[in-house]
Protein backbone atom coordinates (compact mmCIF):
# COMPACT_ATOMS: atom_id res chain seq x y z
CA MET A 1 24.70 -4.69 -7.23
CA SER A 2 23.88 -1.00 -7.15
CA ALA A 3 26.49 1.72 -6.77
CA ALA A 4 25.22 2.30 -3.25
CA ASP A 5 26.41 -1.20 -2.28
CA LEU A 6 29.98 -0.91 -3.59
CA HIS A 7 32.81 -1.60 -1.12
CA GLU A 8 36.49 -0.80 -1.37
CA TRP A 9 38.98 -3.59 -0.68
CA VAL A 10 42.70 -3.91 -0.04
CA THR A 11 44.59 -7.08 -0.94
CA PHE A 12 48.12 -8.18 -0.15
CA LEU A 13 50.29 -11.30 -0.03
CA ASP A 14 52.03 -12.58 3.13
CA ASP A 15 55.49 -14.20 3.27
CA ASP A 16 53.91 -17.67 2.81
CA GLY A 17 52.18 -16.62 -0.42
CA ALA A 18 48.69 -16.47 1.06
CA THR A 19 46.38 -13.69 -0.04
CA TRP A 20 44.65 -11.44 2.42
CA GLN A 21 41.58 -9.37 1.52
CA PHE A 22 40.13 -6.72 3.82
CA ASP A 23 36.82 -4.91 3.39
CA VAL A 24 38.19 -1.37 3.80
CA THR A 25 34.81 0.23 3.45
CA PHE A 26 33.48 -1.52 6.55
CA LEU A 27 36.71 -1.54 8.57
CA ALA A 28 37.16 2.20 8.04
CA SER A 29 33.50 2.95 8.77
CA ASN A 30 32.10 4.33 12.03
CA TYR A 31 30.00 1.21 12.69
CA GLY A 32 29.46 0.39 16.36
CA CYS A 33 27.30 -2.12 18.23
CA ILE A 34 24.28 -0.42 19.71
CA TYR A 35 23.19 -3.19 22.08
CA GLY A 36 21.39 -1.55 24.98
CA ARG A 37 21.09 1.68 23.01
CA GLY A 38 17.96 1.03 21.05
CA CYS A 39 19.04 -2.00 19.04
CA PRO A 40 15.89 -3.29 17.31
CA GLY A 41 17.04 -6.93 17.53
CA VAL A 42 16.65 -9.74 15.01
CA PHE A 43 13.03 -10.70 15.35
CA THR A 44 10.76 -10.56 12.33
CA GLU A 45 9.51 -7.26 13.77
CA ARG A 46 11.56 -4.51 15.35
CA ALA A 47 11.52 -5.02 19.14
CA PRO A 48 14.09 -2.83 21.00
CA GLU A 49 12.09 -3.18 24.22
CA TYR A 50 13.25 -6.80 24.67
CA GLU A 51 16.92 -5.83 24.59
CA HIS A 52 17.85 -9.08 22.90
CA GLY A 53 20.24 -7.65 20.30
CA CYS A 54 21.39 -10.57 18.18
CA CYS A 55 21.02 -13.06 21.06
CA THR A 56 17.50 -14.13 20.08
CA TYR A 57 18.47 -17.42 18.45
CA GLY A 58 21.27 -18.45 20.77
CA ALA A 59 24.79 -19.41 19.74
CA HIS A 60 26.19 -22.12 17.51
CA PHE A 61 29.63 -23.50 18.31
CA VAL A 62 32.41 -23.78 15.74
CA ASP A 63 34.06 -26.82 17.35
CA LYS A 64 34.58 -28.84 20.49
CA ASP A 65 37.14 -26.42 21.90
CA ASP A 66 34.73 -23.53 21.53
CA ARG A 67 32.07 -25.54 23.34
CA LYS A 68 34.37 -26.57 26.15
CA ALA A 69 35.71 -23.05 26.67
CA THR A 70 32.19 -21.68 26.99
CA LEU A 71 31.18 -24.35 29.47
CA ALA A 72 34.25 -23.66 31.58
CA ARG A 73 33.36 -19.96 31.75
CA ALA A 74 29.74 -20.75 32.49
CA ALA A 75 30.87 -22.70 35.53
CA GLU A 76 32.29 -19.44 36.93
CA LEU A 77 28.92 -17.69 36.88
CA ASP A 78 26.68 -17.59 39.93
CA ASP A 79 23.04 -16.75 40.50
CA GLU A 80 23.85 -13.07 41.02
CA SER A 81 25.50 -12.79 37.60
CA TRP A 82 23.40 -15.22 35.54
CA GLU A 83 19.63 -14.93 35.67
CA LEU A 84 18.95 -18.37 34.14
CA LYS A 85 21.65 -20.35 35.87
CA GLY A 86 19.08 -22.45 37.78
CA HIS A 87 17.17 -23.10 34.58
CA ALA A 88 20.34 -24.20 32.86
CA GLU A 89 21.01 -26.71 35.63
CA GLU A 90 17.53 -28.14 35.28
CA LEU A 91 18.17 -28.65 31.59
CA GLY A 92 21.42 -30.45 32.25
CA GLY A 93 23.57 -27.55 31.14
CA PRO A 94 23.31 -24.48 28.87
CA ILE A 95 24.31 -26.31 25.70
CA HIS A 96 22.60 -29.11 23.73
CA ARG A 97 22.61 -30.78 20.34
CA ASN A 98 19.68 -29.59 18.20
CA ASP A 99 17.58 -31.62 15.74
CA ASP A 100 20.13 -30.94 12.98
CA GLY A 101 22.96 -32.38 15.11
CA GLU A 102 24.49 -28.96 15.82
CA TRP A 103 25.75 -27.94 19.24
CA VAL A 104 23.97 -24.74 20.34
CA THR A 105 23.01 -22.88 23.49
CA HIS A 106 19.50 -23.45 24.82
CA THR A 107 17.01 -20.71 24.22
CA VAL A 108 14.48 -19.67 26.89
CA ASP A 109 11.52 -17.43 26.13
CA ASP A 110 12.86 -16.61 22.67
CA ALA A 111 16.43 -15.76 23.57
CA CYS A 112 19.76 -17.31 24.52
CA ILE A 113 19.91 -18.89 27.94
CA PHE A 114 22.98 -16.71 28.76
CA LEU A 115 21.01 -13.51 28.18
CA ASN A 116 20.04 -11.63 31.32
CA ARG A 117 16.70 -9.90 30.74
CA PRO A 118 15.55 -6.33 31.52
CA GLY A 119 14.90 -6.03 35.23
CA PHE A 120 17.70 -8.37 36.34
CA PRO A 121 20.00 -6.59 38.83
CA THR A 122 22.96 -6.60 36.43
CA GLY A 123 20.82 -5.19 33.64
CA ALA A 124 20.02 -6.77 30.31
CA GLY A 125 22.89 -8.41 28.45
CA CYS A 126 24.97 -11.54 28.05
CA ALA A 127 25.96 -12.88 31.45
CA LEU A 128 29.33 -14.04 30.10
CA HIS A 129 30.02 -10.59 28.62
CA GLN A 130 28.96 -8.74 31.76
CA VAL A 131 31.15 -10.81 34.08
CA ALA A 132 34.15 -10.44 31.79
CA VAL A 133 33.74 -6.62 31.79
CA ALA A 134 33.23 -6.58 35.59
CA ARG A 135 36.52 -8.48 36.02
CA GLY A 136 38.38 -6.25 33.58
CA GLU A 137 38.85 -9.10 31.14
CA ARG A 138 38.14 -9.41 27.39
CA PRO A 139 34.61 -10.61 26.56
CA ILE A 140 36.05 -12.48 23.58
CA ASP A 141 37.79 -14.82 26.06
CA TRP A 142 34.47 -15.67 27.63
CA LYS A 143 31.86 -15.90 24.88
CA PRO A 144 31.15 -18.43 22.09
CA GLN A 145 33.21 -17.51 19.08
CA VAL A 146 30.25 -16.59 16.88
CA CYS A 147 29.08 -14.08 19.51
CA TRP A 148 32.29 -12.05 19.61
CA GLN A 149 33.01 -12.31 15.90
CA LEU A 150 29.85 -10.42 14.91
CA PRO A 151 29.70 -8.22 12.94
CA LEU A 152 33.00 -9.43 11.41
CA ARG A 153 33.06 -12.35 9.04
CA PHE A 154 36.33 -14.23 8.40
CA ASP A 155 36.41 -16.68 5.51
CA GLU A 156 39.17 -18.93 4.15
CA TRP A 157 39.21 -20.29 0.63
CA THR A 158 41.75 -22.59 -1.13
CA ASP A 159 41.80 -22.89 -4.90
CA ASP A 160 42.60 -25.96 -7.02
CA ASN A 161 46.29 -25.08 -6.95
CA GLY A 162 46.43 -24.97 -3.16
CA ALA A 163 46.64 -21.16 -2.92
CA THR A 164 44.79 -19.82 0.10
CA THR A 165 42.85 -16.56 0.35
CA TYR A 166 41.70 -15.11 3.68
CA ILE A 167 38.86 -12.60 3.65
CA LEU A 168 37.75 -10.28 6.45
CA ARG A 169 34.52 -8.42 5.78
CA GLU A 170 31.28 -7.32 7.41
CA TRP A 171 28.71 -9.90 8.45
CA LYS A 172 25.69 -9.66 6.20
CA ARG A 173 22.17 -11.04 6.40
CA HIS A 174 22.95 -14.00 4.13
CA ASP A 175 25.66 -15.17 6.52
CA TRP A 176 22.89 -16.22 8.92
CA GLY A 177 21.46 -18.58 6.26
CA GLU A 178 17.83 -18.53 5.18
CA GLY A 179 16.71 -17.00 8.49
CA GLY A 180 18.63 -13.82 7.89
CA ALA A 181 16.23 -12.70 5.21
CA GLU A 182 13.41 -12.75 7.80
CA PHE A 183 15.05 -10.29 10.21
CA ALA A 184 13.16 -7.02 10.42
CA TRP A 185 16.49 -5.31 11.03
CA TRP A 186 20.18 -6.13 10.73
CA CYS A 187 22.82 -3.79 12.10
CA THR A 188 25.22 -3.51 9.15
CA ASP A 189 22.22 -2.75 6.92
CA ASP A 190 21.06 0.31 8.84
CA PRO A 191 22.49 3.81 9.41
CA LEU A 192 21.34 3.53 13.03
CA ALA A 193 24.47 1.51 13.88
CA PHE A 194 26.92 3.91 12.28
CA GLY A 195 27.62 6.57 14.84
CA GLU A 196 30.98 5.80 16.49
CA ASP A 197 33.76 8.36 16.68
CA ARG A 198 36.47 5.80 15.73
CA PRO A 199 36.72 3.32 12.86
CA VAL A 200 36.03 -0.40 13.17
CA TRP A 201 39.68 -1.30 12.75
CA VAL A 202 40.34 0.53 15.99
CA THR A 203 37.27 -0.34 18.07
CA LEU A 204 37.39 -4.05 17.14
CA ARG A 205 41.14 -4.47 17.21
CA ASP A 206 41.12 -7.44 19.62
CA GLU A 207 38.49 -9.26 17.56
CA ILE A 208 40.32 -8.62 14.28
CA VAL A 209 43.66 -9.78 15.68
CA GLU A 210 42.03 -12.91 17.12
CA LEU A 211 40.69 -13.71 13.63
CA VAL A 212 43.59 -12.83 11.36
CA GLY A 213 46.67 -12.64 13.62
CA GLU A 214 49.01 -9.80 14.57
CA GLU A 215 51.00 -9.56 11.37
CA PRO A 216 48.12 -9.27 8.85
CA TYR A 217 46.49 -6.75 11.19
CA ARG A 218 49.73 -4.71 11.37
CA GLN A 219 49.89 -4.66 7.57
CA LEU A 220 46.32 -3.48 7.40
CA VAL A 221 46.95 -0.71 9.89
CA ASP A 222 50.12 0.36 8.11
CA TYR A 223 48.20 0.63 4.89
CA LEU A 224 45.36 2.61 6.41
CA THR A 225 47.54 5.01 8.36
CA ASP A 226 50.05 5.53 5.50
CA ARG A 227 47.21 6.23 3.13
CA THR A 228 45.67 8.77 5.46
CA SER A 229 48.96 10.57 6.20
CA ALA A 230 49.75 10.77 2.50
CA GLY A 231 46.59 12.71 1.90
CA ALA A 232 44.96 10.03 -0.20
CA PRO A 233 41.33 10.42 -1.27
CA VAL A 234 38.76 9.79 1.40
CA PHE A 235 37.66 6.19 1.65
CA LEU A 236 34.49 5.15 -0.04
CA PRO A 237 31.84 5.80 2.68
CA HIS A 238 29.95 2.79 3.89
CA PRO A 239 26.72 2.26 2.01
CA GLN A 240 24.61 2.86 5.11
CA VAL A 241 26.35 6.18 5.74
CA ARG A 242 25.74 7.18 2.13
CA ARG A 243 22.06 6.33 2.50
CA ARG A 244 21.84 8.41 5.68
CA ASN A 245 23.57 11.36 4.00
CA PRO A 246 22.44 11.36 0.37
CA PRO A 247 24.04 13.92 -1.90
CA GLY A 248 21.98 17.01 -2.19
């Protein structure tokens, strides 16, 4: 690993003895999703004109509850909010089991069946996400879990002695499996996605709390705010920000 790829971490124990590790470099960075704002997408070539974002390959489901929740929300969509609703009905629903036995959303014309395309009256974007926003509700309560978790990655690991470690970090290419190496672009790898005026731990509060819970999030926030108010050294800038602003 080069110096440009180094991240800063904070680790603490909870009352149950579990260890929590947070990628401070990413969580304190100014990363922000740029879907609809020139996102090049995850094809093997940059293709911002398609406005696919990371919806190209559809969604995998983490479990039965995730699948059932998405189907319930899909039932609330109509033809005015979901461009491919009729197509989904012809297929017997928007979800199927693939050749590997995994439950996934159907893809149509190289993108998720829930993705409204450029030119649709609602504009390009996930139909589930768009309806949630229009109703003043949280998109994370509508979308498959993998879709709202990005670009966060939450891992759990238990050692031979039964001690558990929870890790929250940025989602990297390798988290997609072998296909991730083929992407022409991935958002946390590129300075283009680092332009927000607030840190990730603020902009993605709901997502982080959903993953780790209120108490670990509170401890993280206390650490970050206490450190800032105490005049501690500036956090290690995210590698992509350092690449955009090399020392000169």
